[in-house]
Amino acid sequence: GFTTVRVNDPGLVKELDEHMITYTGHYESKFWSSILSWVIYL
């Protein structure tokens, strides 16, 4: 396994499709973290 920092690369998805690499997307919800930060400030 490996990990790297995502950069703004518009041609990344096209390149992954050309090399037939399986990829999935992951979205992290920041709702509760935002609420918690506001509660601390208040």
PDB file of all heavy atoms in Angstrom:
ATOM      1  N   GLY A   1       0.813  -1.223   0.000  1.00  0.00           N
ATOM      2  CA  GLY A   1       0.000   0.000   0.000  1.00  0.00           C
ATOM      3  C   GLY A   1       0.843   1.268   0.000  1.00  0.00           C
ATOM      4  O   GLY A   1       1.973   1.282   0.472  1.00  0.00           O
ATOM      5  N   PHE A   2       0.244   2.310  -0.534  1.00  0.00           N
ATOM      6  CA  PHE A   2       0.927   3.614  -0.554  1.00  0.00           C
ATOM      7  C   PHE A   2      -0.126   4.714  -0.469  1.00  0.00           C
ATOM      8  O   PHE A   2      -1.322   4.484  -0.695  1.00  0.00           O
ATOM      9  CB  PHE A   2       1.782   3.771  -1.829  1.00  0.00           C
ATOM     10  CG  PHE A   2       0.966   3.925  -3.081  1.00  0.00           C
ATOM     11  CD1 PHE A   2       0.541   5.178  -3.533  1.00  0.00           C
ATOM     12  CD2 PHE A   2       0.590   2.797  -3.820  1.00  0.00           C
ATOM     13  CE1 PHE A   2      -0.217   5.293  -4.688  1.00  0.00           C
ATOM     14  CE2 PHE A   2      -0.171   2.923  -4.966  1.00  0.00           C
ATOM     15  CZ  PHE A   2      -0.571   4.180  -5.393  1.00  0.00           C
ATOM     16  N   THR A   3       0.331   5.915  -0.152  1.00  0.00           N
ATOM     17  CA  THR A   3      -0.539   7.108  -0.115  1.00  0.00           C
ATOM     18  C   THR A   3       0.255   8.305  -0.598  1.00  0.00           C
ATOM     19  O   THR A   3       1.487   8.368  -0.436  1.00  0.00           O
ATOM     20  CB  THR A   3      -1.072   7.376   1.306  1.00  0.00           C
ATOM     21  OG1 THR A   3      -1.896   8.536   1.277  1.00  0.00           O
ATOM     22  CG2 THR A   3       0.073   7.636   2.282  1.00  0.00           C
ATOM     23  N   THR A   4      -0.453   9.221  -1.244  1.00  0.00           N
ATOM     24  CA  THR A   4       0.176  10.444  -1.733  1.00  0.00           C
ATOM     25  C   THR A   4      -0.818  11.595  -1.631  1.00  0.00           C
ATOM     26  O   THR A   4      -2.035  11.383  -1.496  1.00  0.00           O
ATOM     27  CB  THR A   4       0.656  10.285  -3.184  1.00  0.00           C
ATOM     28  OG1 THR A   4       1.376  11.475  -3.576  1.00  0.00           O
ATOM     29  CG2 THR A   4      -0.524  10.111  -4.126  1.00  0.00           C
ATOM     30  N   VAL A   5      -0.278  12.794  -1.695  1.00  0.00           N
ATOM     31  CA  VAL A   5      -1.131  13.977  -1.602  1.00  0.00           C
ATOM     32  C   VAL A   5      -1.781  14.246  -2.949  1.00  0.00           C
ATOM     33  O   VAL A   5      -1.105  14.209  -3.994  1.00  0.00           O
ATOM     34  CB  VAL A   5      -0.307  15.200  -1.157  1.00  0.00           C
ATOM     35  CG1 VAL A   5      -1.181  16.450  -1.113  1.00  0.00           C
ATOM     36  CG2 VAL A   5       0.327  14.953   0.206  1.00  0.00           C
ATOM     37  N   ARG A   6      -3.072  14.503  -2.931  1.00  0.00           N
ATOM     38  CA  ARG A   6      -3.776  14.795  -4.187  1.00  0.00           C
ATOM     39  C   ARG A   6      -3.491  16.226  -4.609  1.00  0.00           C
ATOM     40  O   ARG A   6      -3.588  17.146  -3.811  1.00  0.00           O
ATOM     41  CB  ARG A   6      -5.274  14.593  -4.000  1.00  0.00           C
ATOM     42  CG  ARG A   6      -6.061  14.864  -5.273  1.00  0.00           C
ATOM     43  CD  ARG A   6      -7.537  14.639  -5.049  1.00  0.00           C
ATOM     44  NE  ARG A   6      -8.294  14.976  -6.259  1.00  0.00           N
ATOM     45  CZ  ARG A   6      -9.605  14.882  -6.371  1.00  0.00           C
ATOM     46  NH1 ARG A   6     -10.325  14.469  -5.312  1.00  0.00           N
ATOM     47  NH2 ARG A   6     -10.213  15.194  -7.495  1.00  0.00           N
ATOM     48  N   VAL A   7      -3.153  16.396  -5.880  1.00  0.00           N
ATOM     49  CA  VAL A   7      -2.924  17.713  -6.459  1.00  0.00           C
ATOM     50  C   VAL A   7      -3.943  17.948  -7.548  1.00  0.00           C
ATOM     51  O   VAL A   7      -4.644  17.018  -7.990  1.00  0.00           O
ATOM     52  CB  VAL A   7      -1.479  17.827  -7.007  1.00  0.00           C
ATOM     53  CG1 VAL A   7      -0.454  17.644  -5.898  1.00  0.00           C
ATOM     54  CG2 VAL A   7      -1.252  16.837  -8.131  1.00  0.00           C
ATOM     55  N   ASN A   8      -4.036  19.195  -8.007  1.00  0.00           N
ATOM     56  CA  ASN A   8      -4.990  19.542  -9.070  1.00  0.00           C
ATOM     57  C   ASN A   8      -4.428  19.059 -10.416  1.00  0.00           C
ATOM     58  O   ASN A   8      -3.575  19.719 -11.032  1.00  0.00           O
ATOM     59  CB  ASN A   8      -5.207  21.056  -9.082  1.00  0.00           C
ATOM     60  CG  ASN A   8      -6.325  21.473 -10.025  1.00  0.00           C
ATOM     61  OD1 ASN A   8      -7.094  20.626 -10.492  1.00  0.00           O
ATOM     62  ND2 ASN A   8      -6.406  22.766 -10.331  1.00  0.00           N
ATOM     63  N   ASP A   9      -4.896  17.890 -10.846  1.00  0.00           N
ATOM     64  CA  ASP A   9      -4.416  17.262 -12.081  1.00  0.00           C
ATOM     65  C   ASP A   9      -5.625  16.858 -12.926  1.00  0.00           C
ATOM     66  O   ASP A   9      -6.190  15.766 -12.750  1.00  0.00           O
ATOM     67  CB  ASP A   9      -3.557  16.047 -11.728  1.00  0.00           C
ATOM     68  CG  ASP A   9      -2.867  15.456 -12.955  1.00  0.00           C
ATOM     69  OD1 ASP A   9      -3.109  15.973 -14.061  1.00  0.00           O
ATOM     70  OD2 ASP A   9      -2.078  14.502 -12.777  1.00  0.00           O
ATOM     71  N   PRO A  10      -6.065  17.729 -13.868  1.00  0.00           N
ATOM     72  CA  PRO A  10      -7.274  17.413 -14.661  1.00  0.00           C
ATOM     73  C   PRO A  10      -7.146  16.152 -15.505  1.00  0.00           C
ATOM     74  O   PRO A  10      -8.148  15.506 -15.819  1.00  0.00           O
ATOM     75  CB  PRO A  10      -7.459  18.654 -15.533  1.00  0.00           C
ATOM     76  CG  PRO A  10      -6.696  19.732 -14.841  1.00  0.00           C
ATOM     77  CD  PRO A  10      -5.538  19.062 -14.185  1.00  0.00           C
ATOM     78  N   GLY A  11      -5.922  15.779 -15.905  1.00  0.00           N
ATOM     79  CA  GLY A  11      -5.766  14.604 -16.784  1.00  0.00           C
ATOM     80  C   GLY A  11      -5.579  13.298 -16.065  1.00  0.00           C
ATOM     81  O   GLY A  11      -5.303  12.276 -16.715  1.00  0.00           O
ATOM     82  N   LEU A  12      -5.735  13.281 -14.724  1.00  0.00           N
ATOM     83  CA  LEU A  12      -5.481  12.055 -13.973  1.00  0.00           C
ATOM     84  C   LEU A  12      -6.490  10.972 -14.302  1.00  0.00           C
ATOM     85  O   LEU A  12      -6.125   9.809 -14.547  1.00  0.00           O
ATOM     86  CB  LEU A  12      -5.492  12.361 -12.473  1.00  0.00           C
ATOM     87  CG  LEU A  12      -5.332  11.165 -11.538  1.00  0.00           C
ATOM     88  CD1 LEU A  12      -3.978  10.487 -11.777  1.00  0.00           C
ATOM     89  CD2 LEU A  12      -5.486  11.575 -10.086  1.00  0.00           C
ATOM     90  N   VAL A  13      -7.790  11.313 -14.354  1.00  0.00           N
ATOM     91  CA  VAL A  13      -8.823  10.294 -14.611  1.00  0.00           C
ATOM     92  C   VAL A  13      -8.648   9.691 -15.999  1.00  0.00           C
ATOM     93  O   VAL A  13      -8.772   8.464 -16.194  1.00  0.00           O
ATOM     94  CB  VAL A  13     -10.216  10.922 -14.439  1.00  0.00           C
ATOM     95  CG1 VAL A  13     -11.313   9.920 -14.811  1.00  0.00           C
ATOM     96  CG2 VAL A  13     -10.422  11.394 -13.005  1.00  0.00           C
ATOM     97  N   LYS A  14      -8.342  10.512 -17.016  1.00  0.00           N
ATOM     98  CA  LYS A  14      -8.142  10.008 -18.384  1.00  0.00           C
ATOM     99  C   LYS A  14      -6.956   9.048 -18.432  1.00  0.00           C
ATOM    100  O   LYS A  14      -7.002   7.982 -19.087  1.00  0.00           O
ATOM    101  CB  LYS A  14      -7.917  11.190 -19.321  1.00  0.00           C
ATOM    102  CG  LYS A  14      -7.757  10.791 -20.772  1.00  0.00           C
ATOM    103  CD  LYS A  14      -7.572  12.019 -21.653  1.00  0.00           C
ATOM    104  CE  LYS A  14      -7.391  11.620 -23.117  1.00  0.00           C
ATOM    105  NZ  LYS A  14      -7.195  12.798 -24.000  1.00  0.00           N
ATOM    106  N   GLU A  15      -5.905   9.398 -17.685  1.00  0.00           N
ATOM    107  CA  GLU A  15      -4.725   8.545 -17.675  1.00  0.00           C
ATOM    108  C   GLU A  15      -5.010   7.212 -16.982  1.00  0.00           C
ATOM    109  O   GLU A  15      -4.515   6.151 -17.414  1.00  0.00           O
ATOM    110  CB  GLU A  15      -3.583   9.287 -16.984  1.00  0.00           C
ATOM    111  CG  GLU A  15      -2.242   8.617 -17.144  1.00  0.00           C
ATOM    112  CD  GLU A  15      -1.113   9.476 -16.585  1.00  0.00           C
ATOM    113  OE1 GLU A  15      -1.378  10.634 -16.163  1.00  0.00           O
ATOM    114  OE2 GLU A  15       0.039   8.975 -16.547  1.00  0.00           O
ATOM    115  N   LEU A  16      -5.821   7.241 -15.912  1.00  0.00           N
ATOM    116  CA  LEU A  16      -6.180   5.998 -15.223  1.00  0.00           C
ATOM    117  C   LEU A  16      -7.010   5.103 -16.134  1.00  0.00           C
ATOM    118  O   LEU A  16      -6.860   3.862 -16.136  1.00  0.00           O
ATOM    119  CB  LEU A  16      -6.935   6.310 -13.926  1.00  0.00           C
ATOM    120  CG  LEU A  16      -6.142   7.011 -12.809  1.00  0.00           C
ATOM    121  CD1 LEU A  16      -7.063   7.339 -11.639  1.00  0.00           C
ATOM    122  CD2 LEU A  16      -4.979   6.151 -12.349  1.00  0.00           C
ATOM    123  N   ASP A  17      -7.921   5.708 -16.897  1.00  0.00           N
ATOM    124  CA  ASP A  17      -8.736   4.904 -17.817  1.00  0.00           C
ATOM    125  C   ASP A  17      -7.882   4.273 -18.918  1.00  0.00           C
ATOM    126  O   ASP A  17      -8.132   3.137 -19.340  1.00  0.00           O
ATOM    127  CB  ASP A  17      -9.820   5.784 -18.430  1.00  0.00           C
ATOM    128  CG  ASP A  17     -10.874   6.203 -17.413  1.00  0.00           C
ATOM    129  OD1 ASP A  17     -10.993   5.504 -16.384  1.00  0.00           O
ATOM    130  OD2 ASP A  17     -11.550   7.250 -17.613  1.00  0.00           O
ATOM    131  N   GLU A  18      -6.892   5.010 -19.422  1.00  0.00           N
ATOM    132  CA  GLU A  18      -6.041   4.467 -20.479  1.00  0.00           C
ATOM    133  C   GLU A  18      -5.256   3.247 -20.005  1.00  0.00           C
ATOM    134  O   GLU A  18      -5.032   2.291 -20.751  1.00  0.00           O
ATOM    135  CB  GLU A  18      -5.063   5.543 -20.959  1.00  0.00           C
ATOM    136  CG  GLU A  18      -5.731   6.658 -21.758  1.00  0.00           C
ATOM    137  CD  GLU A  18      -4.740   7.745 -22.162  1.00  0.00           C
ATOM    138  OE1 GLU A  18      -3.571   7.658 -21.696  1.00  0.00           O
ATOM    139  OE2 GLU A  18      -5.128   8.678 -22.879  1.00  0.00           O
ATOM    140  N   HIS A  19      -4.834   3.249 -18.741  1.00  0.00           N
ATOM    141  CA  HIS A  19      -4.072   2.121 -18.214  1.00  0.00           C
ATOM    142  C   HIS A  19      -4.969   1.110 -17.499  1.00  0.00           C
ATOM    143  O   HIS A  19      -4.462   0.178 -16.855  1.00  0.00           O
ATOM    144  CB  HIS A  19      -2.999   2.635 -17.239  1.00  0.00           C
ATOM    145  CG  HIS A  19      -1.905   3.397 -17.902  1.00  0.00           C
ATOM    146  ND1 HIS A  19      -2.015   4.738 -18.214  1.00  0.00           N
ATOM    147  CD2 HIS A  19      -0.669   2.999 -18.343  1.00  0.00           C
ATOM    148  CE1 HIS A  19      -0.896   5.153 -18.790  1.00  0.00           C
ATOM    149  NE2 HIS A  19      -0.053   4.093 -18.888  1.00  0.00           N
ATOM    150  N   MET A  20      -6.301   1.302 -17.631  1.00  0.00           N
ATOM    151  CA  MET A  20      -7.289   0.356 -17.097  1.00  0.00           C
ATOM    152  C   MET A  20      -7.039   0.063 -15.599  1.00  0.00           C
ATOM    153  O   MET A  20      -6.956  -1.081 -15.148  1.00  0.00           O
ATOM    154  CB  MET A  20      -7.285  -0.955 -17.900  1.00  0.00           C
ATOM    155  CG  MET A  20      -7.807  -0.766 -19.316  1.00  0.00           C
ATOM    156  SD  MET A  20      -7.860  -2.277 -20.252  1.00  0.00           S
ATOM    157  CE  MET A  20      -6.116  -2.664 -20.399  1.00  0.00           C
ATOM    158  N   ILE A  21      -6.875   1.147 -14.849  1.00  0.00           N
ATOM    159  CA  ILE A  21      -6.663   1.046 -13.399  1.00  0.00           C
ATOM    160  C   ILE A  21      -8.007   1.253 -12.698  1.00  0.00           C
ATOM    161  O   ILE A  21      -8.741   2.220 -12.998  1.00  0.00           O
ATOM    162  CB  ILE A  21      -5.639   2.074 -12.920  1.00  0.00           C
ATOM    163  CG1 ILE A  21      -4.272   1.799 -13.569  1.00  0.00           C
ATOM    164  CG2 ILE A  21      -5.517   2.049 -11.396  1.00  0.00           C
ATOM    165  CD1 ILE A  21      -3.237   2.857 -13.251  1.00  0.00           C
ATOM    166  N   THR A  22      -8.366   0.363 -11.803  1.00  0.00           N
ATOM    167  CA  THR A  22      -9.619   0.476 -11.052  1.00  0.00           C
ATOM    168  C   THR A  22      -9.466   1.554  -9.963  1.00  0.00           C
ATOM    169  O   THR A  22      -8.531   1.513  -9.160  1.00  0.00           O
ATOM    170  CB  THR A  22      -9.969  -0.862 -10.396  1.00  0.00           C
ATOM    171  OG1 THR A  22     -10.026  -1.874 -11.412  1.00  0.00           O
ATOM    172  CG2 THR A  22     -11.303  -0.774  -9.672  1.00  0.00           C
ATOM    173  N   TYR A  23     -10.428   2.487  -9.932  1.00  0.00           N
ATOM    174  CA  TYR A  23     -10.359   3.568  -8.931  1.00  0.00           C
ATOM    175  C   TYR A  23     -11.764   3.862  -8.416  1.00  0.00           C
ATOM    176  O   TYR A  23     -12.764   3.662  -9.121  1.00  0.00           O
ATOM    177  CB  TYR A  23      -9.718   4.835  -9.514  1.00  0.00           C
ATOM    178  CG  TYR A  23     -10.452   5.426 -10.698  1.00  0.00           C
ATOM    179  CD1 TYR A  23     -11.473   6.373 -10.538  1.00  0.00           C
ATOM    180  CD2 TYR A  23     -10.125   5.027 -12.007  1.00  0.00           C
ATOM    181  CE1 TYR A  23     -12.142   6.898 -11.638  1.00  0.00           C
ATOM    182  CE2 TYR A  23     -10.783   5.549 -13.093  1.00  0.00           C
ATOM    183  CZ  TYR A  23     -11.795   6.488 -12.909  1.00  0.00           C
ATOM    184  OH  TYR A  23     -12.454   6.998 -13.990  1.00  0.00           O
ATOM    185  N   THR A  24     -11.818   4.338  -7.195  1.00  0.00           N
ATOM    186  CA  THR A  24     -13.083   4.746  -6.558  1.00  0.00           C
ATOM    187  C   THR A  24     -12.861   6.106  -5.882  1.00  0.00           C
ATOM    188  O   THR A  24     -11.726   6.490  -5.579  1.00  0.00           O
ATOM    189  CB  THR A  24     -13.539   3.723  -5.499  1.00  0.00           C
ATOM    190  OG1 THR A  24     -12.508   3.591  -4.508  1.00  0.00           O
ATOM    191  CG2 THR A  24     -13.813   2.366  -6.145  1.00  0.00           C
ATOM    192  N   GLY A  25     -14.011   6.779  -5.656  1.00  0.00           N
ATOM    193  CA  GLY A  25     -13.952   8.085  -4.969  1.00  0.00           C
ATOM    194  C   GLY A  25     -14.365   7.960  -3.504  1.00  0.00           C
ATOM    195  O   GLY A  25     -15.139   7.080  -3.120  1.00  0.00           O
ATOM    196  N   HIS A  26     -13.837   8.874  -2.684  1.00  0.00           N
ATOM    197  CA  HIS A  26     -14.165   8.876  -1.241  1.00  0.00           C
ATOM    198  C   HIS A  26     -14.363  10.319  -0.790  1.00  0.00           C
ATOM    199  O   HIS A  26     -13.523  11.177  -1.031  1.00  0.00           O
ATOM    200  CB  HIS A  26     -13.032   8.231  -0.432  1.00  0.00           C
ATOM    201  CG  HIS A  26     -13.246   8.323   1.055  1.00  0.00           C
ATOM    202  ND1 HIS A  26     -14.259   7.665   1.707  1.00  0.00           N
ATOM    203  CD2 HIS A  26     -12.563   9.016   2.007  1.00  0.00           C
ATOM    204  CE1 HIS A  26     -14.206   7.944   2.989  1.00  0.00           C
ATOM    205  NE2 HIS A  26     -13.174   8.762   3.206  1.00  0.00           N
ATOM    206  N   TYR A  27     -15.528  10.580  -0.176  1.00  0.00           N
ATOM    207  CA  TYR A  27     -15.857  11.932   0.298  1.00  0.00           C
ATOM    208  C   TYR A  27     -16.030  11.897   1.809  1.00  0.00           C
ATOM    209  O   TYR A  27     -16.791  11.071   2.338  1.00  0.00           O
ATOM    210  CB  TYR A  27     -17.124  12.451  -0.372  1.00  0.00           C
ATOM    211  CG  TYR A  27     -17.588  13.786   0.169  1.00  0.00           C
ATOM    212  CD1 TYR A  27     -16.922  14.951  -0.185  1.00  0.00           C
ATOM    213  CD2 TYR A  27     -18.673  13.865   1.034  1.00  0.00           C
ATOM    214  CE1 TYR A  27     -17.323  16.172   0.309  1.00  0.00           C
ATOM    215  CE2 TYR A  27     -19.086  15.084   1.535  1.00  0.00           C
ATOM    216  CZ  TYR A  27     -18.401  16.228   1.172  1.00  0.00           C
ATOM    217  OH  TYR A  27     -18.791  17.451   1.668  1.00  0.00           O
ATOM    218  N   GLU A  28     -15.326  12.781   2.521  1.00  0.00           N
ATOM    219  CA  GLU A  28     -15.394  12.863   3.982  1.00  0.00           C
ATOM    220  C   GLU A  28     -16.326  14.008   4.376  1.00  0.00           C
ATOM    221  O   GLU A  28     -16.090  15.155   3.997  1.00  0.00           O
ATOM    222  CB  GLU A  28     -13.997  13.106   4.570  1.00  0.00           C
ATOM    223  CG  GLU A  28     -13.037  11.969   4.327  1.00  0.00           C
ATOM    224  CD  GLU A  28     -11.668  12.269   4.909  1.00  0.00           C
ATOM    225  OE1 GLU A  28     -11.496  13.386   5.451  1.00  0.00           O
ATOM    226  OE2 GLU A  28     -10.789  11.404   4.810  1.00  0.00           O
ATOM    227  N   SER A  29     -17.360  13.693   5.142  1.00  0.00           N
ATOM    228  CA  SER A  29     -18.299  14.720   5.610  1.00  0.00           C
ATOM    229  C   SER A  29     -17.689  15.498   6.782  1.00  0.00           C
ATOM    230  O   SER A  29     -17.192  14.897   7.748  1.00  0.00           O
ATOM    231  CB  SER A  29     -19.611  14.068   6.057  1.00  0.00           C
ATOM    232  OG  SER A  29     -20.472  15.033   6.613  1.00  0.00           O
ATOM    233  N   LYS A  30     -17.717  16.828   6.703  1.00  0.00           N
ATOM    234  CA  LYS A  30     -17.146  17.692   7.752  1.00  0.00           C
ATOM    235  C   LYS A  30     -18.230  18.384   8.571  1.00  0.00           C
ATOM    236  O   LYS A  30     -17.980  19.375   9.239  1.00  0.00           O
ATOM    237  CB  LYS A  30     -16.250  18.759   7.124  1.00  0.00           C
ATOM    238  CG  LYS A  30     -15.039  18.179   6.418  1.00  0.00           C
ATOM    239  CD  LYS A  30     -14.129  19.281   5.910  1.00  0.00           C
ATOM    240  CE  LYS A  30     -12.900  18.699   5.254  1.00  0.00           C
ATOM    241  NZ  LYS A  30     -11.983  19.764   4.769  1.00  0.00           N
ATOM    242  N   PHE A  31     -19.459  17.840   8.504  1.00  0.00           N
ATOM    243  CA  PHE A  31     -20.563  18.504   9.201  1.00  0.00           C
ATOM    244  C   PHE A  31     -20.336  18.536  10.708  1.00  0.00           C
ATOM    245  O   PHE A  31     -20.388  19.586  11.348  1.00  0.00           O
ATOM    246  CB  PHE A  31     -21.872  17.797   8.865  1.00  0.00           C
ATOM    247  CG  PHE A  31     -23.062  18.337   9.619  1.00  0.00           C
ATOM    248  CD1 PHE A  31     -23.642  19.545   9.256  1.00  0.00           C
ATOM    249  CD2 PHE A  31     -23.581  17.653  10.711  1.00  0.00           C
ATOM    250  CE1 PHE A  31     -24.724  20.046   9.957  1.00  0.00           C
ATOM    251  CE2 PHE A  31     -24.661  18.161  11.418  1.00  0.00           C
ATOM    252  CZ  PHE A  31     -25.239  19.354  11.034  1.00  0.00           C
ATOM    253  N   TRP A  32     -20.047  17.364  11.283  1.00  0.00           N
ATOM    254  CA  TRP A  32     -19.910  17.303  12.739  1.00  0.00           C
ATOM    255  C   TRP A  32     -18.647  18.015  13.212  1.00  0.00           C
ATOM    256  O   TRP A  32     -18.638  18.621  14.283  1.00  0.00           O
ATOM    257  CB  TRP A  32     -19.895  15.855  13.201  1.00  0.00           C
ATOM    258  CG  TRP A  32     -21.223  15.181  13.014  1.00  0.00           C
ATOM    259  CD1 TRP A  32     -21.552  14.217  12.121  1.00  0.00           C
ATOM    260  CD2 TRP A  32     -22.419  15.490  13.731  1.00  0.00           C
ATOM    261  NE1 TRP A  32     -22.873  13.872  12.217  1.00  0.00           N
ATOM    262  CE2 TRP A  32     -23.435  14.643  13.210  1.00  0.00           C
ATOM    263  CE3 TRP A  32     -22.746  16.382  14.753  1.00  0.00           C
ATOM    264  CZ2 TRP A  32     -24.734  14.672  13.685  1.00  0.00           C
ATOM    265  CZ3 TRP A  32     -24.047  16.414  15.226  1.00  0.00           C
ATOM    266  CH2 TRP A  32     -25.025  15.563  14.694  1.00  0.00           C
ATOM    267  N   SER A  33     -17.591  17.954  12.434  1.00  0.00           N
ATOM    268  CA  SER A  33     -16.375  18.670  12.828  1.00  0.00           C
ATOM    269  C   SER A  33     -16.595  20.183  12.804  1.00  0.00           C
ATOM    270  O   SER A  33     -16.095  20.913  13.665  1.00  0.00           O
ATOM    271  CB  SER A  33     -15.222  18.283  11.912  1.00  0.00           C
ATOM    272  OG  SER A  33     -15.513  18.615  10.562  1.00  0.00           O
ATOM    273  N   SER A  34     -17.384  20.664  11.820  1.00  0.00           N
ATOM    274  CA  SER A  34     -17.685  22.092  11.774  1.00  0.00           C
ATOM    275  C   SER A  34     -18.537  22.518  12.956  1.00  0.00           C
ATOM    276  O   SER A  34     -18.302  23.561  13.577  1.00  0.00           O
ATOM    277  CB  SER A  34     -18.409  22.435  10.458  1.00  0.00           C
ATOM    278  OG  SER A  34     -17.622  22.105   9.351  1.00  0.00           O
ATOM    279  N   ILE A  35     -19.537  21.685  13.270  1.00  0.00           N
ATOM    280  CA  ILE A  35     -20.391  21.999  14.431  1.00  0.00           C
ATOM    281  C   ILE A  35     -19.565  22.035  15.706  1.00  0.00           C
ATOM    282  O   ILE A  35     -19.715  22.932  16.557  1.00  0.00           O
ATOM    283  CB  ILE A  35     -21.526  20.968  14.547  1.00  0.00           C
ATOM    284  CG1 ILE A  35     -22.515  21.130  13.388  1.00  0.00           C
ATOM    285  CG2 ILE A  35     -22.256  21.117  15.876  1.00  0.00           C
ATOM    286  CD1 ILE A  35     -23.263  22.437  13.384  1.00  0.00           C
ATOM    287  N   LEU A  36     -18.678  21.062  15.864  1.00  0.00           N
ATOM    288  CA  LEU A  36     -17.851  20.999  17.067  1.00  0.00           C
ATOM    289  C   LEU A  36     -16.946  22.222  17.194  1.00  0.00           C
ATOM    290  O   LEU A  36     -16.784  22.779  18.284  1.00  0.00           O
ATOM    291  CB  LEU A  36     -17.012  19.717  17.047  1.00  0.00           C
ATOM    292  CG  LEU A  36     -16.128  19.465  18.276  1.00  0.00           C
ATOM    293  CD1 LEU A  36     -16.991  19.354  19.526  1.00  0.00           C
ATOM    294  CD2 LEU A  36     -15.282  18.217  18.085  1.00  0.00           C
ATOM    295  N   SER A  37     -16.383  22.659  16.074  1.00  0.00           N
ATOM    296  CA  SER A  37     -15.520  23.844  16.135  1.00  0.00           C
ATOM    297  C   SER A  37     -16.312  25.094  16.528  1.00  0.00           C
ATOM    298  O   SER A  37     -15.836  25.917  17.313  1.00  0.00           O
ATOM    299  CB  SER A  37     -14.829  24.043  14.781  1.00  0.00           C
ATOM    300  OG  SER A  37     -15.788  24.294  13.760  1.00  0.00           O
ATOM    301  N   TRP A  38     -17.534  25.239  15.996  1.00  0.00           N
ATOM    302  CA  TRP A  38     -18.363  26.390  16.372  1.00  0.00           C
ATOM    303  C   TRP A  38     -18.749  26.337  17.846  1.00  0.00           C
ATOM    304  O   TRP A  38     -18.789  27.370  18.528  1.00  0.00           O
ATOM    305  CB  TRP A  38     -19.611  26.441  15.502  1.00  0.00           C
ATOM    306  CG  TRP A  38     -19.392  27.133  14.205  1.00  0.00           C
ATOM    307  CD1 TRP A  38     -19.234  26.569  12.971  1.00  0.00           C
ATOM    308  CD2 TRP A  38     -19.272  28.544  13.998  1.00  0.00           C
ATOM    309  NE1 TRP A  38     -19.030  27.519  12.014  1.00  0.00           N
ATOM    310  CE2 TRP A  38     -19.053  28.759  12.613  1.00  0.00           C
ATOM    311  CE3 TRP A  38     -19.325  29.647  14.838  1.00  0.00           C
ATOM    312  CZ2 TRP A  38     -18.888  30.013  12.075  1.00  0.00           C
ATOM    313  CZ3 TRP A  38     -19.177  30.907  14.297  1.00  0.00           C
ATOM    314  CH2 TRP A  38     -18.954  31.084  12.929  1.00  0.00           C
ATOM    315  N   VAL A  39     -19.052  25.133  18.353  1.00  0.00           N
ATOM    316  CA  VAL A  39     -19.426  24.998  19.763  1.00  0.00           C
ATOM    317  C   VAL A  39     -18.262  25.403  20.659  1.00  0.00           C
ATOM    318  O   VAL A  39     -18.438  26.080  21.686  1.00  0.00           O
ATOM    319  CB  VAL A  39     -19.876  23.554  20.057  1.00  0.00           C
ATOM    320  CG1 VAL A  39     -19.994  23.327  21.564  1.00  0.00           C
ATOM    321  CG2 VAL A  39     -21.203  23.273  19.387  1.00  0.00           C
ATOM    322  N   ILE A  40     -17.057  25.030  20.282  1.00  0.00           N
ATOM    323  CA  ILE A  40     -15.882  25.391  21.089  1.00  0.00           C
ATOM    324  C   ILE A  40     -15.699  26.904  21.116  1.00  0.00           C
ATOM    325  O   ILE A  40     -15.479  27.504  22.178  1.00  0.00           O
ATOM    326  CB  ILE A  40     -14.626  24.688  20.529  1.00  0.00           C
ATOM    327  CG1 ILE A  40     -14.745  23.169  20.732  1.00  0.00           C
ATOM    328  CG2 ILE A  40     -13.369  25.222  21.205  1.00  0.00           C
ATOM    329  CD1 ILE A  40     -13.617  22.387  20.105  1.00  0.00           C
ATOM    330  N   TYR A  41     -15.805  27.547  19.944  1.00  0.00           N
ATOM    331  CA  TYR A  41     -15.648  29.005  19.888  1.00  0.00           C
ATOM    332  C   TYR A  41     -16.731  29.719  20.698  1.00  0.00           C
ATOM    333  O   TYR A  41     -16.459  30.691  21.426  1.00  0.00           O
ATOM    334  CB  TYR A  41     -15.668  29.490  18.440  1.00  0.00           C
ATOM    335  CG  TYR A  41     -14.426  29.141  17.658  1.00  0.00           C
ATOM    336  CD1 TYR A  41     -14.505  28.597  16.385  1.00  0.00           C
ATOM    337  CD2 TYR A  41     -13.164  29.329  18.207  1.00  0.00           C
ATOM    338  CE1 TYR A  41     -13.362  28.258  15.665  1.00  0.00           C
ATOM    339  CE2 TYR A  41     -12.020  28.998  17.506  1.00  0.00           C
ATOM    340  CZ  TYR A  41     -12.121  28.461  16.231  1.00  0.00           C
ATOM    341  OH  TYR A  41     -10.989  28.145  15.539  1.00  0.00           O
ATOM    342  N   LEU A  42     -17.986  29.265  20.562  1.00  0.00           N
ATOM    343  CA  LEU A  42     -19.078  29.892  21.317  1.00  0.00           C
ATOM    344  C   LEU A  42     -18.896  29.694  22.818  1.00  0.00           C
ATOM    345  O   LEU A  42     -19.188  30.594  23.611  1.00  0.00           O
ATOM    346  CB  LEU A  42     -20.420  29.318  20.865  1.00  0.00           C
ATOM    347  CG  LEU A  42     -20.893  29.729  19.468  1.00  0.00           C
ATOM    348  CD1 LEU A  42     -22.178  28.991  19.097  1.00  0.00           C
ATOM    349  CD2 LEU A  42     -21.122  31.239  19.389  1.00  0.00           C
TER     350      LEU A  42
END
